[in-house]
PDB file of N, CA and C in Angstrom:
ATOM      1  N   MET A   1       2.136 -23.100  39.440  1.00  0.00           N
ATOM      2  CA  MET A   1       3.089 -22.411  38.599  1.00  0.00           C
ATOM      3  C   MET A   1       2.858 -22.789  37.146  1.00  0.00           C
ATOM      4  N   GLY A   2       3.497 -23.785  36.622  1.00  0.00           N
ATOM      5  CA  GLY A   2       3.279 -24.190  35.243  1.00  0.00           C
ATOM      6  C   GLY A   2       4.299 -23.609  34.289  1.00  0.00           C
ATOM      7  N   ARG A   3       4.171 -24.026  33.062  1.00  0.00           N
ATOM      8  CA  ARG A   3       5.095 -23.589  32.014  1.00  0.00           C
ATOM      9  C   ARG A   3       4.695 -22.235  31.465  1.00  0.00           C
ATOM     10  N   LYS A   4       5.687 -21.519  30.951  1.00  0.00           N
ATOM     11  CA  LYS A   4       5.400 -20.266  30.261  1.00  0.00           C
ATOM     12  C   LYS A   4       4.861 -20.596  28.876  1.00  0.00           C
ATOM     13  N   PRO A   5       3.958 -19.784  28.335  1.00  0.00           N
ATOM     14  CA  PRO A   5       3.422 -20.051  26.995  1.00  0.00           C
ATOM     15  C   PRO A   5       4.533 -20.049  25.942  1.00  0.00           C
ATOM     16  N   SER A   6       4.492 -21.025  25.046  1.00  0.00           N
ATOM     17  CA  SER A   6       5.508 -21.142  24.002  1.00  0.00           C
ATOM     18  C   SER A   6       5.247 -20.238  22.813  1.00  0.00           C
ATOM     19  N   GLY A   7       3.995 -19.897  22.568  1.00  0.00           N
ATOM     20  CA  GLY A   7       3.661 -18.996  21.469  1.00  0.00           C
ATOM     21  C   GLY A   7       4.133 -19.504  20.125  1.00  0.00           C
ATOM     22  N   SER A   8       4.870 -18.651  19.425  1.00  0.00           N
ATOM     23  CA  SER A   8       5.272 -18.950  18.048  1.00  0.00           C
ATOM     24  C   SER A   8       6.225 -20.130  17.929  1.00  0.00           C
ATOM     25  N   LYS A   9       6.890 -20.526  18.992  1.00  0.00           N
ATOM     26  CA  LYS A   9       7.804 -21.663  18.918  1.00  0.00           C
ATOM     27  C   LYS A   9       7.069 -22.959  18.598  1.00  0.00           C
ATOM     28  N   LEU A  10       5.789 -23.017  18.906  1.00  0.00           N
ATOM     29  CA  LEU A  10       5.000 -24.214  18.628  1.00  0.00           C
ATOM     30  C   LEU A  10       4.858 -24.477  17.133  1.00  0.00           C
ATOM     31  N   VAL A  11       5.038 -23.462  16.318  1.00  0.00           N
ATOM     32  CA  VAL A  11       4.805 -23.567  14.878  1.00  0.00           C
ATOM     33  C   VAL A  11       6.043 -24.077  14.136  1.00  0.00           C
ATOM     34  N   GLU A  12       7.197 -23.980  14.745  1.00  0.00           N
ATOM     35  CA  GLU A  12       8.453 -24.286  14.059  1.00  0.00           C
ATOM     36  C   GLU A  12       8.479 -25.666  13.406  1.00  0.00           C
ATOM     37  N   GLY A  13       7.981 -26.693  14.079  1.00  0.00           N
ATOM     38  CA  GLY A  13       8.062 -28.044  13.541  1.00  0.00           C
ATOM     39  C   GLY A  13       6.906 -28.440  12.641  1.00  0.00           C
ATOM     40  N   ILE A  14       5.995 -27.531  12.391  1.00  0.00           N
ATOM     41  CA  ILE A  14       4.819 -27.851  11.578  1.00  0.00           C
ATOM     42  C   ILE A  14       5.105 -27.546  10.113  1.00  0.00           C
ATOM     43  N   GLU A  15       4.590 -28.396   9.244  1.00  0.00           N
ATOM     44  CA  GLU A  15       4.791 -28.213   7.806  1.00  0.00           C
ATOM     45  C   GLU A  15       3.958 -27.045   7.301  1.00  0.00           C
ATOM     46  N   GLY A  16       4.562 -26.223   6.463  1.00  0.00           N
ATOM     47  CA  GLY A  16       3.865 -25.086   5.882  1.00  0.00           C
ATOM     48  C   GLY A  16       4.866 -24.046   5.429  1.00  0.00           C
ATOM     49  N   SER A  17       4.373 -23.046   4.711  1.00  0.00           N
ATOM     50  CA  SER A  17       5.257 -21.992   4.213  1.00  0.00           C
ATOM     51  C   SER A  17       5.754 -21.133   5.371  1.00  0.00           C
ATOM     52  N   ASP A  18       6.864 -20.464   5.152  1.00  0.00           N
ATOM     53  CA  ASP A  18       7.411 -19.576   6.178  1.00  0.00           C
ATOM     54  C   ASP A  18       6.438 -18.445   6.501  1.00  0.00           C
ATOM     55  N   LEU A  19       5.754 -17.920   5.481  1.00  0.00           N
ATOM     56  CA  LEU A  19       4.807 -16.840   5.698  1.00  0.00           C
ATOM     57  C   LEU A  19       3.630 -17.300   6.553  1.00  0.00           C
ATOM     58  N   ALA A  20       3.089 -18.463   6.241  1.00  0.00           N
ATOM     59  CA  ALA A  20       1.955 -18.983   7.015  1.00  0.00           C
ATOM     60  C   ALA A  20       2.373 -19.236   8.455  1.00  0.00           C
ATOM     61  N   LYS A  21       3.558 -19.790   8.658  1.00  0.00           N
ATOM     62  CA  LYS A  21       4.033 -20.050  10.018  1.00  0.00           C
ATOM     63  C   LYS A  21       4.289 -18.742  10.769  1.00  0.00           C
ATOM     64  N   ALA A  22       4.773 -17.721  10.087  1.00  0.00           N
ATOM     65  CA  ALA A  22       4.987 -16.422  10.726  1.00  0.00           C
ATOM     66  C   ALA A  22       3.648 -15.818  11.149  1.00  0.00           C
ATOM     67  N   ARG A  23       2.644 -15.968  10.304  1.00  0.00           N
ATOM     68  CA  ARG A  23       1.320 -15.434  10.630  1.00  0.00           C
ATOM     69  C   ARG A  23       0.718 -16.150  11.827  1.00  0.00           C
ATOM     70  N   VAL A  24       0.763 -17.475  11.835  1.00  0.00           N
ATOM     71  CA  VAL A  24       0.229 -18.239  12.961  1.00  0.00           C
ATOM     72  C   VAL A  24       1.020 -17.928  14.226  1.00  0.00           C
ATOM     73  N   GLY A  25       2.332 -17.833  14.072  1.00  0.00           N
ATOM     74  CA  GLY A  25       3.168 -17.502  15.218  1.00  0.00           C
ATOM     75  C   GLY A  25       2.821 -16.146  15.809  1.00  0.00           C
ATOM     76  N   ALA A  26       2.557 -15.176  14.967  1.00  0.00           N
ATOM     77  CA  ALA A  26       2.182 -13.837  15.437  1.00  0.00           C
ATOM     78  C   ALA A  26       0.852 -13.879  16.177  1.00  0.00           C
ATOM     79  N   VAL A  27      -0.102 -14.630  15.650  1.00  0.00           N
ATOM     80  CA  VAL A  27      -1.398 -14.772  16.325  1.00  0.00           C
ATOM     81  C   VAL A  27      -1.204 -15.419  17.691  1.00  0.00           C
ATOM     82  N   LEU A  28      -0.422 -16.493  17.741  1.00  0.00           N
ATOM     83  CA  LEU A  28      -0.181 -17.169  19.015  1.00  0.00           C
ATOM     84  C   LEU A  28       0.532 -16.253  20.007  1.00  0.00           C
ATOM     85  N   ASP A  29       1.518 -15.514  19.531  1.00  0.00           N
ATOM     86  CA  ASP A  29       2.242 -14.600  20.416  1.00  0.00           C
ATOM     87  C   ASP A  29       1.315 -13.545  21.004  1.00  0.00           C
ATOM     88  N   CYS A  30       0.367 -13.068  20.224  1.00  0.00           N
ATOM     89  CA  CYS A  30      -0.586 -12.080  20.731  1.00  0.00           C
ATOM     90  C   CYS A  30      -1.573 -12.716  21.711  1.00  0.00           C
ATOM     91  N   LEU A  31      -2.038 -13.916  21.403  1.00  0.00           N
ATOM     92  CA  LEU A  31      -2.982 -14.591  22.284  1.00  0.00           C
ATOM     93  C   LEU A  31      -2.355 -14.934  23.632  1.00  0.00           C
ATOM     94  N   THR A  32      -1.059 -15.238  23.630  1.00  0.00           N
ATOM     95  CA  THR A  32      -0.376 -15.601  24.878  1.00  0.00           C
ATOM     96  C   THR A  32       0.197 -14.393  25.604  1.00  0.00           C
ATOM     97  N   GLY A  33       0.071 -13.216  25.014  1.00  0.00           N
ATOM     98  CA  GLY A  33       0.560 -12.008  25.654  1.00  0.00           C
ATOM     99  C   GLY A  33       2.051 -11.753  25.475  1.00  0.00           C
ATOM    100  N   ARG A  34       2.694 -12.518  24.607  1.00  0.00           N
ATOM    101  CA  ARG A  34       4.126 -12.313  24.369  1.00  0.00           C
ATOM    102  C   ARG A  34       4.389 -11.096  23.495  1.00  0.00           C
ATOM    103  N   LYS A  35       3.402 -10.722  22.673  1.00  0.00           N
ATOM    104  CA  LYS A  35       3.529  -9.553  21.796  1.00  0.00           C
ATOM    105  C   LYS A  35       2.238  -8.763  21.817  1.00  0.00           C
ATOM    106  N   LYS A  36       2.370  -7.477  21.571  1.00  0.00           N
ATOM    107  CA  LYS A  36       1.198  -6.637  21.374  1.00  0.00           C
ATOM    108  C   LYS A  36       0.813  -6.702  19.905  1.00  0.00           C
ATOM    109  N   ILE A  37      -0.436  -6.436  19.605  1.00  0.00           N
ATOM    110  CA  ILE A  37      -0.917  -6.504  18.227  1.00  0.00           C
ATOM    111  C   ILE A  37      -0.128  -5.545  17.343  1.00  0.00           C
ATOM    112  N   GLU A  38       0.196  -4.379  17.871  1.00  0.00           N
ATOM    113  CA  GLU A  38       0.966  -3.401  17.098  1.00  0.00           C
ATOM    114  C   GLU A  38       2.325  -3.969  16.684  1.00  0.00           C
ATOM    115  N   GLU A  39       2.971  -4.718  17.587  1.00  0.00           N
ATOM    116  CA  GLU A  39       4.271  -5.329  17.268  1.00  0.00           C
ATOM    117  C   GLU A  39       4.115  -6.395  16.189  1.00  0.00           C
ATOM    118  N   ALA A  40       3.088  -7.210  16.330  1.00  0.00           N
ATOM    119  CA  ALA A  40       2.861  -8.293  15.372  1.00  0.00           C
ATOM    120  C   ALA A  40       2.569  -7.752  13.981  1.00  0.00           C
ATOM    121  N   THR A  41       1.735  -6.713  13.906  1.00  0.00           N
ATOM    122  CA  THR A  41       1.405  -6.168  12.588  1.00  0.00           C
ATOM    123  C   THR A  41       2.627  -5.514  11.953  1.00  0.00           C
ATOM    124  N   GLU A  42       3.448  -4.890  12.773  1.00  0.00           N
ATOM    125  CA  GLU A  42       4.675  -4.282  12.240  1.00  0.00           C
ATOM    126  C   GLU A  42       5.629  -5.362  11.728  1.00  0.00           C
ATOM    127  N   ASP A  43       5.782  -6.433  12.493  1.00  0.00           N
ATOM    128  CA  ASP A  43       6.661  -7.536  12.076  1.00  0.00           C
ATOM    129  C   ASP A  43       6.195  -8.153  10.759  1.00  0.00           C
ATOM    130  N   LEU A  44       4.871  -8.284  10.608  1.00  0.00           N
ATOM    131  CA  LEU A  44       4.316  -8.909   9.404  1.00  0.00           C
ATOM    132  C   LEU A  44       4.138  -7.926   8.249  1.00  0.00           C
ATOM    133  N   GLY A  45       4.200  -6.625   8.549  1.00  0.00           N
ATOM    134  CA  GLY A  45       4.010  -5.618   7.505  1.00  0.00           C
ATOM    135  C   GLY A  45       2.570  -5.528   7.038  1.00  0.00           C
ATOM    136  N   ILE A  46       1.627  -5.671   7.972  1.00  0.00           N
ATOM    137  CA  ILE A  46       0.204  -5.623   7.628  1.00  0.00           C
ATOM    138  C   ILE A  46      -0.508  -4.619   8.529  1.00  0.00           C
ATOM    139  N   GLU A  47      -1.738  -4.286   8.147  1.00  0.00           N
ATOM    140  CA  GLU A  47      -2.580  -3.401   8.948  1.00  0.00           C
ATOM    141  C   GLU A  47      -3.294  -4.219  10.021  1.00  0.00           C
ATOM    142  N   GLN A  48      -3.769  -3.536  11.058  1.00  0.00           N
ATOM    143  CA  GLN A  48      -4.458  -4.232  12.147  1.00  0.00           C
ATOM    144  C   GLN A  48      -5.720  -4.947  11.665  1.00  0.00           C
ATOM    145  N   ALA A  49      -6.441  -4.353  10.741  1.00  0.00           N
ATOM    146  CA  ALA A  49      -7.662  -4.999  10.238  1.00  0.00           C
ATOM    147  C   ALA A  49      -7.344  -6.360   9.632  1.00  0.00           C
ATOM    148  N   MET A  50      -6.249  -6.437   8.887  1.00  0.00           N
ATOM    149  CA  MET A  50      -5.833  -7.722   8.299  1.00  0.00           C
ATOM    150  C   MET A  50      -5.464  -8.707   9.402  1.00  0.00           C
ATOM    151  N   PHE A  51      -4.789  -8.229  10.430  1.00  0.00           N
ATOM    152  CA  PHE A  51      -4.421  -9.111  11.539  1.00  0.00           C
ATOM    153  C   PHE A  51      -5.673  -9.686  12.198  1.00  0.00           C
ATOM    154  N   PHE A  52      -6.676  -8.829  12.438  1.00  0.00           N
ATOM    155  CA  PHE A  52      -7.902  -9.297  13.080  1.00  0.00           C
ATOM    156  C   PHE A  52      -8.615 -10.331  12.217  1.00  0.00           C
ATOM    157  N   ARG A  53      -8.603 -10.148  10.897  1.00  0.00           N
ATOM    158  CA  ARG A  53      -9.199 -11.148   9.990  1.00  0.00           C
ATOM    159  C   ARG A  53      -8.428 -12.459  10.064  1.00  0.00           C
ATOM    160  N   MET A  54      -7.086 -12.373  10.046  1.00  0.00           N
ATOM    161  CA  MET A  54      -6.254 -13.590  10.129  1.00  0.00           C
ATOM    162  C   MET A  54      -6.498 -14.324  11.443  1.00  0.00           C
ATOM    163  N   ARG A  55      -6.557 -13.576  12.533  1.00  0.00           N
ATOM    164  CA  ARG A  55      -6.779 -14.195  13.840  1.00  0.00           C
ATOM    165  C   ARG A  55      -8.128 -14.896  13.875  1.00  0.00           C
ATOM    166  N   SER A  56      -9.149 -14.234  13.347  1.00  0.00           N
ATOM    167  CA  SER A  56     -10.480 -14.819  13.313  1.00  0.00           C
ATOM    168  C   SER A  56     -10.498 -16.100  12.482  1.00  0.00           C
ATOM    169  N   GLU A  57      -9.879 -16.071  11.304  1.00  0.00           N
ATOM    170  CA  GLU A  57      -9.831 -17.259  10.446  1.00  0.00           C
ATOM    171  C   GLU A  57      -9.066 -18.401  11.114  1.00  0.00           C
ATOM    172  N   ALA A  58      -7.960 -18.074  11.782  1.00  0.00           N
ATOM    173  CA  ALA A  58      -7.167 -19.102  12.468  1.00  0.00           C
ATOM    174  C   ALA A  58      -7.974 -19.754  13.584  1.00  0.00           C
ATOM    175  N   LEU A  59      -8.693 -18.948  14.343  1.00  0.00           N
ATOM    176  CA  LEU A  59      -9.492 -19.493  15.436  1.00  0.00           C
ATOM    177  C   LEU A  59     -10.666 -20.320  14.918  1.00  0.00           C
ATOM    178  N   LYS A  60     -11.298 -19.856  13.828  1.00  0.00           N
ATOM    179  CA  LYS A  60     -12.390 -20.638  13.222  1.00  0.00           C
ATOM    180  C   LYS A  60     -11.881 -21.985  12.737  1.00  0.00           C
ATOM    181  N   ALA A  61     -10.710 -21.986  12.092  1.00  0.00           N
ATOM    182  CA  ALA A  61     -10.130 -23.243  11.589  1.00  0.00           C
ATOM    183  C   ALA A  61      -9.774 -24.172  12.738  1.00  0.00           C
ATOM    184  N   ALA A  62      -9.269 -23.624  13.834  1.00  0.00           N
ATOM    185  CA  ALA A  62      -8.925 -24.446  14.994  1.00  0.00           C
ATOM    186  C   ALA A  62     -10.170 -25.090  15.593  1.00  0.00           C
ATOM    187  N   VAL A  63     -11.235 -24.309  15.735  1.00  0.00           N
ATOM    188  CA  VAL A  63     -12.479 -24.847  16.284  1.00  0.00           C
ATOM    189  C   VAL A  63     -13.038 -25.935  15.368  1.00  0.00           C
ATOM    190  N   ALA A  64     -13.036 -25.699  14.059  1.00  0.00           N
ATOM    191  CA  ALA A  64     -13.545 -26.690  13.107  1.00  0.00           C
ATOM    192  C   ALA A  64     -12.723 -27.977  13.157  1.00  0.00           C
ATOM    193  N   ALA A  65     -11.405 -27.837  13.269  1.00  0.00           N
ATOM    194  CA  ALA A  65     -10.537 -29.019  13.299  1.00  0.00           C
ATOM    195  C   ALA A  65     -10.726 -29.838  14.570  1.00  0.00           C
ATOM    196  N   LEU A  66     -11.181 -29.196  15.641  1.00  0.00           N
ATOM    197  CA  LEU A  66     -11.314 -29.884  16.920  1.00  0.00           C
ATOM    198  C   LEU A  66     -12.751 -30.260  17.269  1.00  0.00           C
ATOM    199  N   GLU A  67     -13.654 -30.133  16.306  1.00  0.00           N
ATOM    200  CA  GLU A  67     -15.028 -30.566  16.531  1.00  0.00           C
ATOM    201  C   GLU A  67     -15.037 -32.067  16.802  1.00  0.00           C
ATOM    202  N   PRO A  68     -15.882 -32.519  17.728  1.00  0.00           N
ATOM    203  CA  PRO A  68     -15.953 -33.956  18.006  1.00  0.00           C
ATOM    204  C   PRO A  68     -16.398 -34.731  16.770  1.00  0.00           C
ATOM    205  N   LYS A  69     -15.798 -35.878  16.609  1.00  0.00           N
ATOM    206  CA  LYS A  69     -16.142 -36.749  15.483  1.00  0.00           C
ATOM    207  C   LYS A  69     -16.512 -38.120  16.045  1.00  0.00           C
ATOM    208  N   PRO A  70     -17.334 -38.875  15.313  1.00  0.00           N
ATOM    209  CA  PRO A  70     -17.691 -40.205  15.789  1.00  0.00           C
ATOM    210  C   PRO A  70     -16.443 -41.095  15.880  1.00  0.00           C
ATOM    211  N   MET A  71     -16.429 -41.937  16.883  1.00  0.00           N
ATOM    212  CA  MET A  71     -15.279 -42.823  17.066  1.00  0.00           C
ATOM    213  C   MET A  71     -15.386 -44.020  16.115  1.00  0.00           C
ATOM    214  N   GLY A  72     -14.251 -44.536  15.721  1.00  0.00           N
ATOM    215  CA  GLY A  72     -14.222 -45.734  14.897  1.00  0.00           C
ATOM    216  C   GLY A  72     -14.471 -45.466  13.429  1.00  0.00           C
ATOM    217  N   ARG A  73     -14.535 -46.562  12.703  1.00  0.00           N
ATOM    218  CA  ARG A  73     -14.792 -46.475  11.256  1.00  0.00           C
ATOM    219  C   ARG A  73     -16.276 -46.318  10.982  1.00  0.00           C
ATOM    220  N   PRO A  74     -16.597 -45.663   9.873  1.00  0.00           N
ATOM    221  CA  PRO A  74     -18.014 -45.598   9.495  1.00  0.00           C
ATOM    222  C   PRO A  74     -18.521 -46.991   9.131  1.00  0.00           C
ATOM    223  N   ARG A  75     -19.788 -47.247   9.403  1.00  0.00           N
ATOM    224  CA  ARG A  75     -20.362 -48.558   9.090  1.00  0.00           C
ATOM    225  C   ARG A  75     -20.503 -48.735   7.586  1.00  0.00           C
ATOM    226  N   LYS A  76     -20.272 -49.955   7.149  1.00  0.00           N
ATOM    227  CA  LYS A  76     -20.488 -50.283   5.734  1.00  0.00           C
ATOM    228  C   LYS A  76     -21.938 -50.709   5.575  1.00  0.00           C
ATOM    229  N   GLU A  77     -22.516 -50.286   4.462  1.00  0.00           N
ATOM    230  CA  GLU A  77     -23.897 -50.699   4.212  1.00  0.00           C
ATOM    231  C   GLU A  77     -23.882 -52.128   3.718  1.00  0.00           C
ATOM    232  N   ARG A  78     -24.781 -52.916   4.273  1.00  0.00           N
ATOM    233  CA  ARG A  78     -24.864 -54.322   3.867  1.00  0.00           C
ATOM    234  C   ARG A  78     -25.801 -54.437   2.664  1.00  0.00           C
ATOM    235  N   THR A  79     -25.392 -55.275   1.741  1.00  0.00           N
ATOM    236  CA  THR A  79     -26.252 -55.530   0.587  1.00  0.00           C
ATOM    237  C   THR A  79     -27.030 -56.818   0.834  1.00  0.00           C
ATOM    238  N   PRO A  80     -28.306 -56.826   0.492  1.00  0.00           N
ATOM    239  CA  PRO A  80     -29.129 -58.036   0.748  1.00  0.00           C
ATOM    240  C   PRO A  80     -28.769 -59.194  -0.137  1.00  0.00           C
TER     241      PRO A  80
END
């Protein structure tokens, strides 16, 4: 079974402007199937092309933020 997708509710506690949170929330709602793209674009007052660009940028940023990074602190160079 599992939990139902939270979608835009996940954005509420995150720091950022109301507009940015509404945009991310709309993308999440569409990805989780809670809203159709037509509904999201109407709510945001944008065209579908803009929505697709926003979704692409959001997903690119998410992938970049979650790229694996080396564990621990970087090594300090020793001076002779």
